[in-house]
Every structure is written in C-alpha cells, then in structure tokens.
Protein backbone atom coordinates (compact mmCIF):
# COMPACT_ATOMS: atom_id res chain seq x y z
CA MET A 1 -57.69 51.53 -27.25
CA SER A 2 -58.88 49.74 -24.12
CA GLU A 3 -55.53 49.62 -22.28
CA GLU A 4 -53.24 52.45 -21.12
CA PRO A 5 -50.24 52.66 -23.47
CA SER A 6 -46.81 51.72 -22.23
CA SER A 7 -45.34 55.18 -23.02
CA ASN A 8 -46.40 58.68 -24.00
CA PHE A 9 -43.34 60.49 -25.31
CA THR A 10 -42.41 64.08 -24.52
CA SER A 11 -40.30 66.59 -26.43
CA GLU A 12 -37.56 66.06 -23.86
CA ASP A 13 -37.61 62.33 -24.65
CA PHE A 14 -37.04 63.15 -28.32
CA ASP A 15 -34.10 65.41 -27.42
CA ARG A 16 -32.53 62.60 -25.39
CA LEU A 17 -33.01 60.08 -28.19
CA GLY A 18 -31.38 62.27 -30.86
CA LYS A 19 -31.68 62.09 -34.62
CA ASP A 20 -30.59 58.51 -35.36
CA LYS A 21 -32.77 56.86 -32.70
CA LEU A 22 -35.74 59.06 -33.68
CA LEU A 23 -35.46 57.86 -37.26
CA LYS A 24 -35.42 54.22 -36.08
CA LEU A 25 -38.41 54.92 -33.84
CA PHE A 26 -40.31 56.40 -36.75
CA GLU A 27 -39.63 53.29 -38.83
CA LYS A 28 -41.24 51.25 -36.07
CA ARG A 29 -44.15 53.42 -34.89
CA LYS A 30 -44.70 55.78 -37.84
CA ILE A 31 -46.96 58.72 -37.03
CA GLY A 32 -48.18 56.96 -33.90
CA MET A 33 -45.15 58.35 -32.10
CA PHE A 34 -46.70 61.83 -32.35
CA TYR A 35 -49.83 60.87 -30.37
CA HIS A 36 -50.65 60.56 -26.69
CA ALA A 37 -53.23 58.12 -25.46
CA VAL A 38 -55.80 60.11 -23.48
CA GLN A 39 -58.47 58.36 -21.41
CA ARG A 40 -62.07 59.21 -22.16
CA GLY A 41 -64.14 57.24 -19.70
CA LYS A 42 -63.02 53.64 -20.05
CA VAL A 43 -61.52 54.20 -23.50
CA TRP A 44 -58.08 55.43 -24.42
CA ILE A 45 -58.20 57.88 -27.36
CA PRO A 46 -55.14 58.82 -29.47
CA GLU A 47 -54.66 62.60 -29.36
CA PHE A 48 -52.20 64.38 -31.68
CA GLN A 49 -49.38 66.29 -29.97
CA PRO A 50 -48.13 69.19 -32.14
CA ALA A 51 -45.06 69.68 -29.92
CA LEU A 52 -43.86 66.13 -30.67
CA LEU A 53 -44.01 66.58 -34.44
CA SER A 54 -42.33 69.98 -34.01
CA ALA A 55 -39.56 68.40 -31.93
CA TYR A 56 -39.08 65.63 -34.52
CA PHE A 57 -38.66 68.18 -37.34
CA ARG A 58 -36.36 70.32 -35.21
CA ILE A 59 -34.04 67.45 -34.23
CA VAL A 60 -33.97 65.41 -37.43
CA TYR A 61 -33.73 68.38 -39.82
CA HIS A 62 -31.74 70.79 -37.60
CA VAL A 63 -34.33 73.53 -38.16
CA LYS A 64 -33.28 77.15 -37.77
CA THR A 65 -35.72 80.10 -37.93
CA ILE A 66 -34.33 83.59 -38.44
CA GLU A 67 -35.66 85.87 -35.75
CA PRO A 68 -37.65 88.58 -37.57
CA SER A 69 -36.86 92.25 -37.05
CA ASN A 70 -40.55 93.06 -37.42
CA PRO A 71 -43.00 90.93 -35.38
CA LYS A 72 -45.56 91.55 -38.10
CA TYR A 73 -43.78 88.96 -40.27
CA TYR A 74 -42.53 85.41 -39.78
CA GLY A 75 -38.80 84.82 -39.99
CA ASP A 76 -37.35 82.63 -42.74
CA MET A 77 -37.18 78.96 -41.70
CA TYR A 78 -34.34 76.68 -42.88
CA TYR A 79 -33.91 72.90 -42.72
CA TYR A 80 -30.90 70.69 -43.34
CA ASP A 81 -31.11 68.79 -46.61
CA TYR A 82 -29.08 65.58 -46.36
CA ASP A 83 -28.75 65.12 -50.12
CA SER A 84 -27.08 68.48 -50.75
CA GLU A 85 -25.74 68.73 -47.17
CA THR A 86 -26.93 72.32 -47.19
CA TYR A 87 -29.45 74.36 -45.19
CA LEU A 88 -32.37 75.17 -47.48
CA PRO A 89 -35.05 77.86 -47.05
CA ASN A 90 -38.82 77.40 -47.26
CA ALA A 91 -38.83 74.68 -44.60
CA GLU A 92 -42.60 75.11 -44.11
CA ILE A 93 -43.23 73.94 -47.67
CA PHE A 94 -40.95 70.93 -47.22
CA PHE A 95 -42.67 69.93 -43.96
CA ASP A 96 -46.09 70.53 -45.49
CA GLN A 97 -45.26 67.92 -48.12
CA LEU A 98 -44.13 65.44 -45.45
CA ILE A 99 -47.34 65.99 -43.45
CA LYS A 100 -49.44 65.47 -46.58
CA SER A 101 -47.65 62.21 -47.40
CA TRP A 102 -47.92 60.89 -43.82
CA TRP A 103 -51.47 61.91 -42.87
CA LYS A 104 -53.12 62.03 -46.31
CA ASP A 105 -56.82 62.92 -45.73
CA LYS A 106 -56.09 64.31 -42.25
CA TYR A 107 -53.47 66.67 -43.67
CA LEU A 108 -55.45 69.87 -43.01
CA GLU A 109 -56.20 68.84 -39.44
CA ILE A 110 -52.49 68.44 -38.70
CA LYS A 111 -51.39 71.48 -40.73
CA GLU A 112 -53.81 73.76 -38.88
CA SER A 113 -52.57 72.61 -35.50
CA LEU A 114 -49.83 74.49 -33.62
CA VAL A 115 -46.94 72.54 -35.17
CA PHE A 116 -45.37 75.45 -37.03
CA LYS A 117 -45.98 77.95 -34.25
CA ASP A 118 -44.18 75.65 -31.82
CA LEU A 119 -41.42 74.94 -34.36
CA ARG A 120 -40.73 78.61 -34.93
CA ALA A 121 -40.72 79.43 -31.20
CA SER A 122 -38.22 76.66 -30.45
CA THR A 123 -35.80 77.31 -33.34
CA TYR A 124 -35.27 81.08 -33.42
CA ILE A 125 -31.72 82.22 -34.11
CA ASP A 126 -30.27 85.66 -34.72
CA ARG A 127 -29.47 86.21 -38.39
CA ARG A 128 -25.87 87.10 -37.49
CA ASP A 129 -25.43 83.75 -35.72
CA PHE A 130 -26.73 81.76 -38.68
CA GLU A 131 -23.59 82.34 -40.73
CA LEU A 132 -20.78 80.06 -41.81
CA ASP A 133 -17.25 81.07 -40.87
CA LEU A 134 -15.91 83.27 -43.68
CA ASN A 135 -12.85 81.04 -44.07
CA TYR A 136 -14.93 77.96 -44.95
CA ILE A 137 -15.52 77.29 -48.66
CA PRO A 138 -18.19 74.60 -49.15
CA VAL A 139 -17.70 72.51 -52.30
CA SER A 140 -19.86 69.65 -53.54
CA ASN A 141 -17.99 66.93 -51.64
CA GLY A 142 -16.94 68.75 -48.48
CA ILE A 143 -15.53 72.01 -47.15
CA LEU A 144 -12.23 73.75 -47.81
CA LYS A 145 -11.02 75.51 -44.69
CA LEU A 146 -8.73 78.50 -45.20
CA GLU A 147 -6.00 78.83 -42.56
CA LYS A 148 -3.22 81.31 -42.02
CA ASN A 149 0.08 80.50 -40.34
CA ASP A 150 3.08 82.05 -42.10
CA LYS A 151 0.88 82.28 -45.19
CA TRP A 152 -2.62 81.34 -46.29
CA THR A 153 -3.32 77.69 -47.13
CA TYR A 154 -6.40 75.47 -47.08
CA ARG A 155 -7.32 71.91 -46.12
CA PHE A 156 -10.29 69.67 -46.86
CA ILE A 157 -12.77 68.74 -44.09
CA PRO A 158 -16.00 66.66 -44.29
CA ASN A 159 -19.52 68.10 -44.27
CA SER A 160 -21.59 68.33 -41.10
CA PRO A 161 -24.87 69.98 -40.03
CA GLU A 162 -22.86 71.90 -37.45
CA TYR A 163 -21.62 74.10 -40.30
CA PHE A 164 -24.35 76.50 -41.39
CA VAL A 165 -23.88 76.01 -45.12
CA ILE A 166 -26.43 77.88 -47.20
CA VAL A 167 -24.31 78.34 -50.34
CA ARG A 168 -22.34 75.39 -51.68
CA ILE A 169 -20.16 75.50 -54.79
CA SER A 170 -21.50 72.81 -57.09
CA THR A 171 -18.06 71.66 -58.28
CA ARG A 172 -16.28 68.69 -56.74
CA TYR A 173 -12.89 69.32 -55.18
CA ASP A 174 -10.17 67.10 -56.65
CA PRO A 175 -6.64 68.23 -55.76
CA GLU A 176 -5.24 66.51 -58.86
CA ALA A 177 -7.66 68.02 -61.40
CA LYS A 178 -6.35 70.22 -64.24
CA CYS A 179 -8.16 72.58 -66.63
CA VAL A 180 -6.06 72.29 -69.78
CA LYS A 181 -8.90 73.17 -72.18
CA PHE A 182 -10.00 76.20 -70.17
CA LEU A 183 -6.46 77.58 -69.97
CA LYS A 184 -6.06 77.15 -73.73
CA GLN A 185 -9.32 79.04 -74.29
CA LEU A 186 -8.09 81.78 -71.96
CA ASN A 187 -4.82 82.07 -73.89
CA ASP A 188 -6.70 82.20 -77.19
CA CYS A 189 -8.93 85.02 -75.89
CA LEU A 190 -6.20 86.96 -74.08
CA PRO A 191 -2.92 86.24 -75.89
CA ASP A 192 0.12 87.94 -74.35
CA LYS A 193 -2.00 89.39 -71.53
CA ARG A 194 -0.56 87.61 -68.50
CA LEU A 195 -1.42 90.41 -66.08
CA GLU A 196 -5.06 90.48 -67.19
CA GLN A 197 -5.22 86.68 -66.93
CA THR A 198 -3.84 87.01 -63.38
CA TRP A 199 -6.58 89.54 -62.49
CA LEU A 200 -9.24 87.17 -63.84
CA LYS A 201 -7.78 84.26 -61.86
CA GLN A 202 -7.62 86.32 -58.66
CA TRP A 203 -11.14 87.72 -59.15
CA THR A 204 -12.54 84.21 -59.68
CA GLY A 205 -10.74 83.05 -56.54
CA ASP A 206 -12.20 86.02 -54.67
CA CYS A 207 -15.68 84.80 -55.67
CA LEU A 208 -15.08 81.65 -53.61
CA ARG A 209 -14.74 83.61 -50.37
CA ARG A 210 -17.74 85.24 -48.76
CA LYS A 211 -15.98 88.43 -47.82
CA GLN A 212 -15.72 91.75 -49.65
CA GLU A 213 -12.16 92.68 -48.78
CA PHE A 214 -10.50 93.92 -51.95
CA ASP A 215 -13.17 96.28 -53.34
CA ARG A 216 -12.90 95.31 -57.01
CA ALA A 217 -15.33 94.59 -59.82
CA LEU A 218 -14.36 93.00 -63.13
CA ILE A 219 -15.39 94.36 -66.51
CA ALA A 220 -14.54 92.51 -69.73
CA VAL A 221 -14.58 94.98 -72.62
CA GLY A 222 -14.62 94.18 -76.32
CA ASP A 223 -16.77 93.90 -79.41
CA GLY A 224 -18.81 90.74 -79.90
CA ASP A 225 -17.49 87.26 -80.71
CA ASN A 226 -14.32 87.56 -78.63
CA GLY A 227 -14.93 84.81 -76.06
CA LYS A 228 -15.55 86.96 -72.97
CA THR A 229 -19.06 85.58 -72.45
CA THR A 230 -17.76 81.99 -72.70
CA ILE A 231 -15.17 82.68 -69.99
CA PHE A 232 -17.88 84.08 -67.70
CA ASP A 233 -20.13 81.09 -68.47
CA VAL A 234 -17.41 78.68 -67.35
CA ILE A 235 -16.86 80.60 -64.11
CA ARG A 236 -20.63 80.62 -63.50
CA ALA A 237 -20.77 76.85 -64.07
CA MET A 238 -17.89 76.24 -61.65
CA LEU A 239 -19.50 78.33 -58.90
CA GLY A 240 -22.96 76.88 -59.57
CA LYS A 241 -25.67 78.75 -61.40
CA GLU A 242 -27.78 78.83 -58.23
CA ASN A 243 -24.96 80.70 -56.46
CA THR A 244 -24.72 83.46 -59.04
CA ILE A 245 -27.12 86.10 -60.27
CA GLU A 246 -27.49 87.90 -63.56
CA MET A 247 -28.28 91.58 -63.11
CA SER A 248 -27.42 94.69 -65.06
CA LEU A 249 -25.46 97.49 -63.44
CA HIS A 250 -28.43 99.77 -64.13
CA THR A 251 -30.88 97.48 -62.28
CA LEU A 252 -28.44 97.17 -59.43
CA THR A 253 -28.34 100.94 -58.98
CA ASN A 254 -32.00 101.77 -59.64
CA ASN A 255 -34.19 98.98 -58.18
CA ARG A 256 -34.66 99.09 -54.39
CA PHE A 257 -35.85 95.46 -54.32
CA ALA A 258 -32.72 94.25 -56.16
CA ALA A 259 -30.60 94.11 -52.99
CA ALA A 260 -32.54 91.14 -51.57
CA ASP A 261 -31.48 89.04 -54.57
CA LEU A 262 -27.79 89.59 -53.76
CA ASP A 263 -27.77 87.96 -50.33
CA HIS A 264 -26.12 84.51 -50.15
CA LYS A 265 -24.76 84.82 -53.70
CA LEU A 266 -21.11 84.34 -54.59
CA ALA A 267 -21.04 86.39 -57.77
CA LEU A 268 -23.06 88.77 -59.85
CA ILE A 269 -22.19 87.93 -63.46
CA GLY A 270 -24.27 90.15 -65.67
CA ASP A 271 -25.21 89.98 -69.31
CA ASP A 272 -23.65 92.44 -71.77
CA LEU A 273 -23.65 95.83 -70.08
CA SER A 274 -26.00 98.37 -71.61
CA PRO A 275 -24.35 101.55 -72.94
CA ARG A 276 -27.19 103.64 -71.45
CA ASP A 277 -26.02 106.43 -69.17
CA LEU A 278 -25.50 105.41 -65.55
CA ARG A 279 -26.74 108.18 -63.29
CA ASP A 280 -26.39 106.76 -59.77
CA THR A 281 -23.42 104.73 -58.55
CA SER A 282 -24.11 104.76 -54.80
CA GLU A 283 -25.46 101.18 -54.57
CA PHE A 284 -22.55 99.86 -56.61
CA LEU A 285 -20.10 101.56 -54.26
CA LYS A 286 -21.86 100.06 -51.25
CA ILE A 287 -21.86 96.56 -52.72
CA THR A 288 -18.19 96.61 -53.64
CA GLY A 289 -17.09 98.60 -50.58
CA GLY A 290 -16.90 95.77 -48.07
CA SER A 291 -18.27 97.63 -45.05
CA SER A 292 -21.73 98.91 -45.94
CA GLN A 293 -24.95 97.26 -44.85
CA LEU A 294 -27.66 96.86 -47.47
CA ARG A 295 -31.34 96.79 -46.63
CA ALA A 296 -33.02 93.79 -48.26
CA GLU A 297 -36.64 94.64 -48.93
CA ARG A 298 -39.02 91.90 -50.06
CA LYS A 299 -42.66 92.48 -50.80
CA ASN A 300 -44.84 91.34 -47.89
CA ARG A 301 -41.86 89.84 -46.06
CA ASP A 302 -39.53 90.85 -43.26
CA ALA A 303 -36.87 93.36 -44.31
CA TYR A 304 -33.35 92.94 -42.95
CA GLN A 305 -29.82 94.31 -43.15
CA PHE A 306 -26.93 92.33 -44.60
CA GLU A 307 -23.37 92.91 -45.69
CA PRO A 308 -22.96 92.03 -49.39
CA THR A 309 -20.05 89.71 -50.10
CA LEU A 310 -20.62 88.73 -53.73
CA LYS A 311 -18.19 89.83 -56.41
CA CYS A 312 -19.41 91.69 -59.51
CA GLY A 313 -18.40 91.13 -63.12
CA TRP A 314 -19.87 92.25 -66.44
CA PRO A 315 -19.02 91.79 -70.10
CA ALA A 316 -19.46 94.95 -72.16
CA ASN A 317 -19.15 96.05 -75.76
CA LEU A 318 -19.37 99.70 -74.70
CA LEU A 319 -19.14 101.30 -71.26
CA PRO A 320 -22.05 103.35 -69.91
CA HIS A 321 -21.35 107.03 -69.41
CA THR A 322 -21.50 108.17 -65.82
CA PRO A 323 -20.97 111.64 -64.38
CA ASP A 324 -19.23 109.93 -61.43
CA GLU A 325 -15.55 110.02 -62.33
CA SER A 326 -14.57 110.01 -58.67
CA HIS A 327 -11.55 108.20 -57.25
CA ALA A 328 -13.92 105.90 -55.30
CA PHE A 329 -15.78 104.76 -58.42
CA MET A 330 -12.89 104.53 -60.85
CA ARG A 331 -10.51 102.66 -58.52
CA ARG A 332 -13.04 99.80 -58.14
CA TRP A 333 -12.63 98.44 -61.67
CA LEU A 334 -10.46 95.70 -63.14
CA PRO A 335 -10.86 96.22 -66.90
CA ILE A 336 -9.83 93.40 -69.23
CA LEU A 337 -9.79 94.14 -72.95
CA PHE A 338 -10.79 91.24 -75.22
CA ASP A 339 -9.38 92.24 -78.60
CA VAL A 340 -9.38 88.93 -80.50
CA THR A 341 -12.38 88.29 -82.76
CA PHE A 342 -13.55 84.73 -83.54
CA THR A 343 -15.86 83.46 -86.25
CA ASN A 344 -19.49 83.75 -85.19
CA ASP A 345 -20.63 80.11 -85.18
CA PRO A 346 -23.33 79.36 -82.53
CA ASN A 347 -22.89 75.59 -82.89
CA ARG A 348 -19.14 75.88 -82.42
CA LYS A 349 -19.64 78.11 -79.36
CA ALA A 350 -21.96 75.52 -77.80
CA GLN A 351 -19.43 72.75 -78.44
CA ILE A 352 -16.62 74.76 -76.86
CA LEU A 353 -18.69 75.61 -73.79
CA SER A 354 -19.72 71.96 -73.39
CA SER A 355 -16.08 70.83 -73.48
CA LEU A 356 -15.12 73.48 -70.91
CA THR A 357 -17.82 72.59 -68.41
CA THR A 358 -17.37 68.85 -67.90
CA PRO A 359 -17.14 67.85 -64.21
CA GLU A 360 -13.44 67.06 -64.58
CA GLU A 361 -12.63 70.38 -66.29
CA LEU A 362 -14.63 72.37 -63.73
CA SER A 363 -12.73 70.67 -60.89
CA GLY A 364 -9.58 71.94 -62.57
CA VAL A 365 -11.08 75.45 -62.89
CA LEU A 366 -11.83 75.31 -59.15
CA ASN A 367 -8.16 74.53 -58.43
CA TRP A 368 -7.13 77.39 -60.76
CA ALA A 369 -9.45 79.74 -58.82
CA LEU A 370 -8.07 78.51 -55.48
CA GLU A 371 -4.56 79.39 -56.68
CA GLY A 372 -5.87 82.86 -57.51
CA LEU A 373 -7.45 83.21 -54.07
CA LEU A 374 -4.21 82.27 -52.29
CA ASP A 375 -2.33 84.76 -54.49
CA LEU A 376 -4.82 87.44 -53.52
CA LEU A 377 -4.65 86.70 -49.79
CA ASN A 378 -0.89 86.20 -49.54
CA ASN A 379 -0.16 89.35 -51.60
CA ASP A 380 -2.86 91.32 -49.75
CA GLY A 381 -4.50 92.44 -52.97
CA TYR A 382 -4.57 92.23 -56.73
CA THR A 383 -1.32 92.15 -58.69
CA ASN A 384 -0.51 95.63 -60.08
CA PRO A 385 -4.13 96.79 -60.45
CA PRO A 386 -4.88 99.82 -62.64
CA GLY A 387 -5.27 103.17 -60.90
CA PRO A 388 -8.28 105.48 -61.16
CA ASP A 389 -6.62 107.70 -63.80
CA ALA A 390 -6.02 104.76 -66.15
CA ASN A 391 -9.58 103.54 -65.63
CA ARG A 392 -10.95 107.03 -66.18
CA SER A 393 -9.19 107.27 -69.54
CA LEU A 394 -10.41 103.83 -70.57
CA TRP A 395 -13.97 104.65 -69.50
CA ARG A 396 -13.96 107.76 -71.68
CA SER A 397 -12.40 106.08 -74.70
CA ARG A 398 -14.83 103.12 -74.58
CA SER A 399 -17.93 105.08 -73.62
CA GLY A 400 -21.28 104.27 -75.21
CA ASN A 401 -22.20 107.97 -75.02
CA ALA A 402 -21.33 109.55 -78.36
CA VAL A 403 -20.79 113.04 -76.91
CA VAL A 404 -18.34 111.83 -74.26
CA ARG A 405 -16.49 109.62 -76.70
CA TYR A 406 -16.22 112.38 -79.33
CA LEU A 407 -15.11 115.07 -76.86
CA TYR A 408 -12.22 112.88 -75.72
CA SER A 409 -11.28 111.88 -79.26
CA PRO A 410 -8.30 113.39 -81.15
CA ASP A 411 -10.77 115.31 -83.34
CA VAL A 412 -11.61 117.76 -80.55
CA GLU A 413 -9.43 120.31 -78.76
CA ARG A 414 -10.27 121.40 -75.21
CA LYS A 415 -9.27 125.05 -74.74
CA PRO A 416 -10.94 127.92 -72.84
CA ASP A 417 -11.20 130.23 -75.88
CA GLY A 418 -12.20 127.49 -78.32
CA LEU A 419 -15.40 127.74 -80.35
CA TYR A 420 -17.41 124.99 -82.06
CA LEU A 421 -20.50 125.81 -84.12
CA MET A 422 -23.38 123.97 -82.42
CA THR A 423 -25.07 122.73 -85.59
CA GLN A 424 -21.77 121.42 -86.86
CA PHE A 425 -21.01 119.82 -83.47
CA ILE A 426 -24.30 117.91 -83.53
CA GLU A 427 -23.60 116.72 -87.10
CA ASP A 428 -20.05 115.68 -86.19
CA VAL A 429 -21.19 113.77 -83.07
CA THR A 430 -23.75 111.89 -85.15
CA ARG A 431 -21.20 111.10 -87.84
CA TYR A 432 -18.69 109.93 -85.21
CA ALA A 433 -21.30 107.68 -83.56
CA LEU A 434 -22.23 106.01 -86.83
CA SER A 435 -18.61 105.39 -87.81
CA ASN A 436 -17.79 103.88 -84.39
CA ASN A 437 -20.98 101.79 -83.90
CA ILE A 438 -22.13 103.93 -80.98
CA PRO A 439 -25.82 104.70 -80.42
CA THR A 440 -26.75 108.06 -81.96
CA MET A 441 -28.30 110.83 -79.85
CA THR A 442 -30.92 113.52 -80.39
CA ALA A 443 -29.85 117.15 -80.40
CA GLN A 444 -31.68 117.60 -77.08
CA LYS A 445 -29.77 114.73 -75.44
CA ILE A 446 -26.49 116.02 -76.84
CA GLY A 447 -27.17 119.40 -75.23
CA ARG A 448 -28.24 117.81 -71.95
CA THR A 449 -25.05 115.70 -71.79
CA ILE A 450 -22.91 118.79 -72.31
CA SER A 451 -24.71 120.79 -69.61
CA GLN A 452 -24.75 117.96 -67.03
CA THR A 453 -21.28 116.55 -67.57
CA PHE A 454 -19.08 119.35 -68.89
CA PRO A 455 -19.79 122.59 -66.99
CA GLU A 456 -16.63 124.15 -68.46
CA ILE A 457 -18.31 124.07 -71.88
CA PHE A 458 -21.09 126.62 -72.33
CA LYS A 459 -23.15 128.23 -75.05
CA GLU A 460 -22.21 131.57 -76.54
CA ARG A 461 -24.11 133.51 -79.19
CA ARG A 462 -21.86 135.11 -81.81
CA LYS A 463 -22.31 136.80 -85.16
CA TYR A 464 -21.11 134.55 -87.97
CA ASN A 465 -21.67 135.00 -91.71
CA GLY A 466 -24.03 137.86 -91.01
CA LYS A 467 -26.24 135.90 -88.56
CA GLN A 468 -26.46 135.48 -84.82
CA VAL A 469 -25.71 131.76 -84.19
CA TRP A 470 -24.90 129.52 -81.20
CA PHE A 471 -21.44 128.17 -80.53
CA TYR A 472 -20.05 125.92 -77.83
CA LYS A 473 -17.23 127.76 -76.08
CA GLY A 474 -14.43 125.79 -74.43
CA ILE A 475 -13.90 123.31 -77.25
CA GLY A 476 -12.92 123.45 -80.90
CA LYS A 477 -12.69 121.12 -83.84
CA LYS A 478 -9.07 120.33 -84.46
CA GLY A 479 -7.67 122.26 -87.39
CA GLN A 480 -10.74 124.46 -87.88
CA GLU A 481 -11.11 128.18 -87.16
CA TYR A 482 -14.23 130.36 -87.61
CA LEU A 483 -13.96 133.84 -89.12
CA LEU A 484 -16.43 135.69 -86.89
CA ASP A 485 -18.06 139.04 -87.65
CA THR A 486 -16.74 141.70 -85.30
CA GLU A 487 -19.95 143.56 -84.42
CA ASP A 488 -23.12 142.95 -82.41
CA ILE A 489 -21.66 140.22 -80.16
CA GLU A 490 -24.02 138.79 -77.56
CA GLU A 491 -22.96 136.32 -74.89
CA ASP A 492 -24.86 133.83 -72.76
CA ASP A 493 -22.64 131.89 -70.42
CA PHE A 494 -25.35 129.46 -69.40
CA PHE A 495 -27.88 127.14 -70.96
CA GLU A 496 -31.41 128.44 -71.19
C-alpha cells in the first residue's frame, strides 16, 4: 500500500455499527476489515488487529464467557447459533473453524494471536446471570412464557438472542395439535389407571420447566414387554434426546463426576433399573430436593456449583433394595405399575414407536404435557400422590433383593420369639427367588443383608435333634414349629 487508508476501524466503531451493519461490511471488505494500515517508511503495511476480530465475534455471535471460579482454568465460552436460535458451548472450536476458512494458510498466525484472550476478557459473565428466566419454555419455533394472574397460563413469544437459551425443546409448538395415537397407547398400557396417567402427564409437564419444585421422581414398574419403555421413548423424543440423559440410579449415587452431566438437562430417563442393592441415596435426595447445590467436577476443567432442575424417571422390572426407608426417600417416588403384557415383537415395537414420534404427534404430546404442567402449578402439586408408607410397602414387595422380598412375603412371620433354622432359611430364600424370577444370593450375602438391614433379627445357637445349630431369632416360617432339645442351650445375640 502506497497511500494512507481512508479508515482504520476500532472496536468502538464495531460496537456503534452493530451486528447487521458489521455483516454487510464483512461482505464488502472481508478479512481486510480486521487490519490496520501501518506506515513503514514510505509504505503502508496491513497489520492484523486481534481486538477487531474479537469485537466482531462478540457482537455478531453475542459471545458470553462464564467467569471461572478458579483462575487456573478458562471459563466455558458460548456463542449464539442462528440456526437453532440457541447459545451453544465450545465457541472456541466454532471460531477456530471460521478463522481456518477465512485465513487458510495463515490460520496458525491468527489463532496464536491474542484474539481469544481479548474475547474472553470482554465477554465474562457470572454463571448465575447467564440463565434463562425459569418461566420461559423454549420450543423449536419460539418460547412459551408462563404467567400467573388468577391462575397459571402461558403465551407464545418469538425467539431472540436477548433470551439466554441453552436448552431448547426440539418439538414445534402447535396449539391445535393432538396426540391421538399416543393417548391410545397410554390407555392400552395403563387401562383403568386414570390417576397414574395423571401423574405421568404432570411429571412430563414438570420436565418442561427448569425448576425442581415438587420433589418427585417417576418409576415405572413391571415385567418386560408392557410398553413402559415405549412411553419413556416418546417423552424423550418430545423433549429432545440432547436435552435428556440416560443414567442409572446407581451411577447417579456413586460417581462423583456424574453431576456435571446433569446440568442443563430437562430429564434423566434411565434404562431399566438394576435390582442391585442401592447403598447411598444422598445424591438422589439432593437432585430431587429442589434446594441443594451440586458440585460439577470435570476432569481438567473448572468445577462449579449448580442447582439441579432436571426430573428423574426410570423403568424397572424389580426395585433395588436400599436400607434407606426414610420418609425423605420414600415420599419422593411416583410409582406406576405396568401390568399389561404385550407380545414381544421387535419389528412391531419399532413400528409403534415410529408412529408415535412423528412431528405432528410429538406436537400433540407437547400440548398434553403443557396441560399436565398447568395442572401441577394450579393445584400446587401432584394429584393425590402416594405417601411414604404406601411406597415403602411397594418397594418391599417389588424388591430385587430375595431376602427382603421373602421376609415381607406371607410365608414369613415376624415375631420376637420366632425361630427359623438358618440352613432352611437359605434354602427357602433361594427357592423363593427362583420361583419369582429374582436374582439368587449366596449364603454370605443373605447373612450380610440380614445383619445390615434387619437388626431385630439375630442369630441364636440352639440344640436341635441332638446337635447345636444356628437359628434366626425374630422370624419364623408360617405354620412351622421346631421341637427343640431342652438342654445345653447357648445364645449369641450378635453376628460373629
């Protein structure tokens, strides 16, 4: 360049121009708009200005960088994606790709400049401020805004970058849409169970709202081939697979890195729940409690605190045994029993699911869920939910732990002076497990379950048929009495 240029832009110039004029300027000047002409002797040399490219990204893509809690790490950077009308993470990768396409062979020279350092410094925002109002429900074609006057209602508003949408339901809102096929499937799976259908409708509606207010988790219980997984699959499709997560209850309670996967999710819809014993319920109580902060830990990345708002639901053939039978744990559950069995035909299942997840049907399912949400909000809770005592009884009767299930069966009597020969008890538990399709247990695990879960049942050594043998005291087999020898009685009230 032999002549001084007519204009060298500044970041303030870009701010004054705004997004639309910047895009038109880029069409005209391309990457030249990010250079200043600097005089070297009698020659004007183009010199790249990182702050200009940073300002362009910031203004055009509404960049927001979460201020890190630990200065050792960079905060997560988000950009506004105009196709999905959503703020997306990993903005550095997106901008890297733009830089590569614009500068080609000079990509590394631009990438290693101070563009990203300047971009981060000028776009920091507190994590708590980068949140969408809890009463906004983003759907694929706009936002549903919940409002309360005499009662809760909602209205449709258009999308805008001013709304910090990170999670958007993938289903289109159509106020006229119906879900006739889905409702028929629901009636086929849960005939004459209007209350349970109401719970499912309200729970699905609760998934739409990013607030944990009603402290409930759904569990669909029943043997295989009863349609419960299909119902969950339809709900997952309506919410958007990217907005849900599959995780077992055991992983949720045992993996310290699992919490980070829950942030910005609408629902945790697990696979069939394992009948393995569940030892720790503290994380589950935090997640469904509505007031606890979880620490999201990510390997080699900034840790942060967040309040979980997703709703949890699992299908289960058997329920895992847990020593936590507390009011806090048992009151959380909405159990729905799926008792109808269908023919196991994988091709037929696929056809049914395909017919239930068309865009038109899912728009109807969204309207069904919105009805459930308004019911929930206007009634200030679920309709006639089960109490902890009812859930406790169900948990015992559907347990995947053979000892627990057998002890609460009609075959066993619970009485302080009862006796049950240990060898016979182990045989009877095994027989009961096999006849009820429950996983069998070793003698050691049977003994451990008794000692850890039923402290009122203990071992006692008595003389029987001329031998000193072990009994369980505190229980008895219904209809059976033991004729004990009356001499040389030894007692041991505790396990060795």
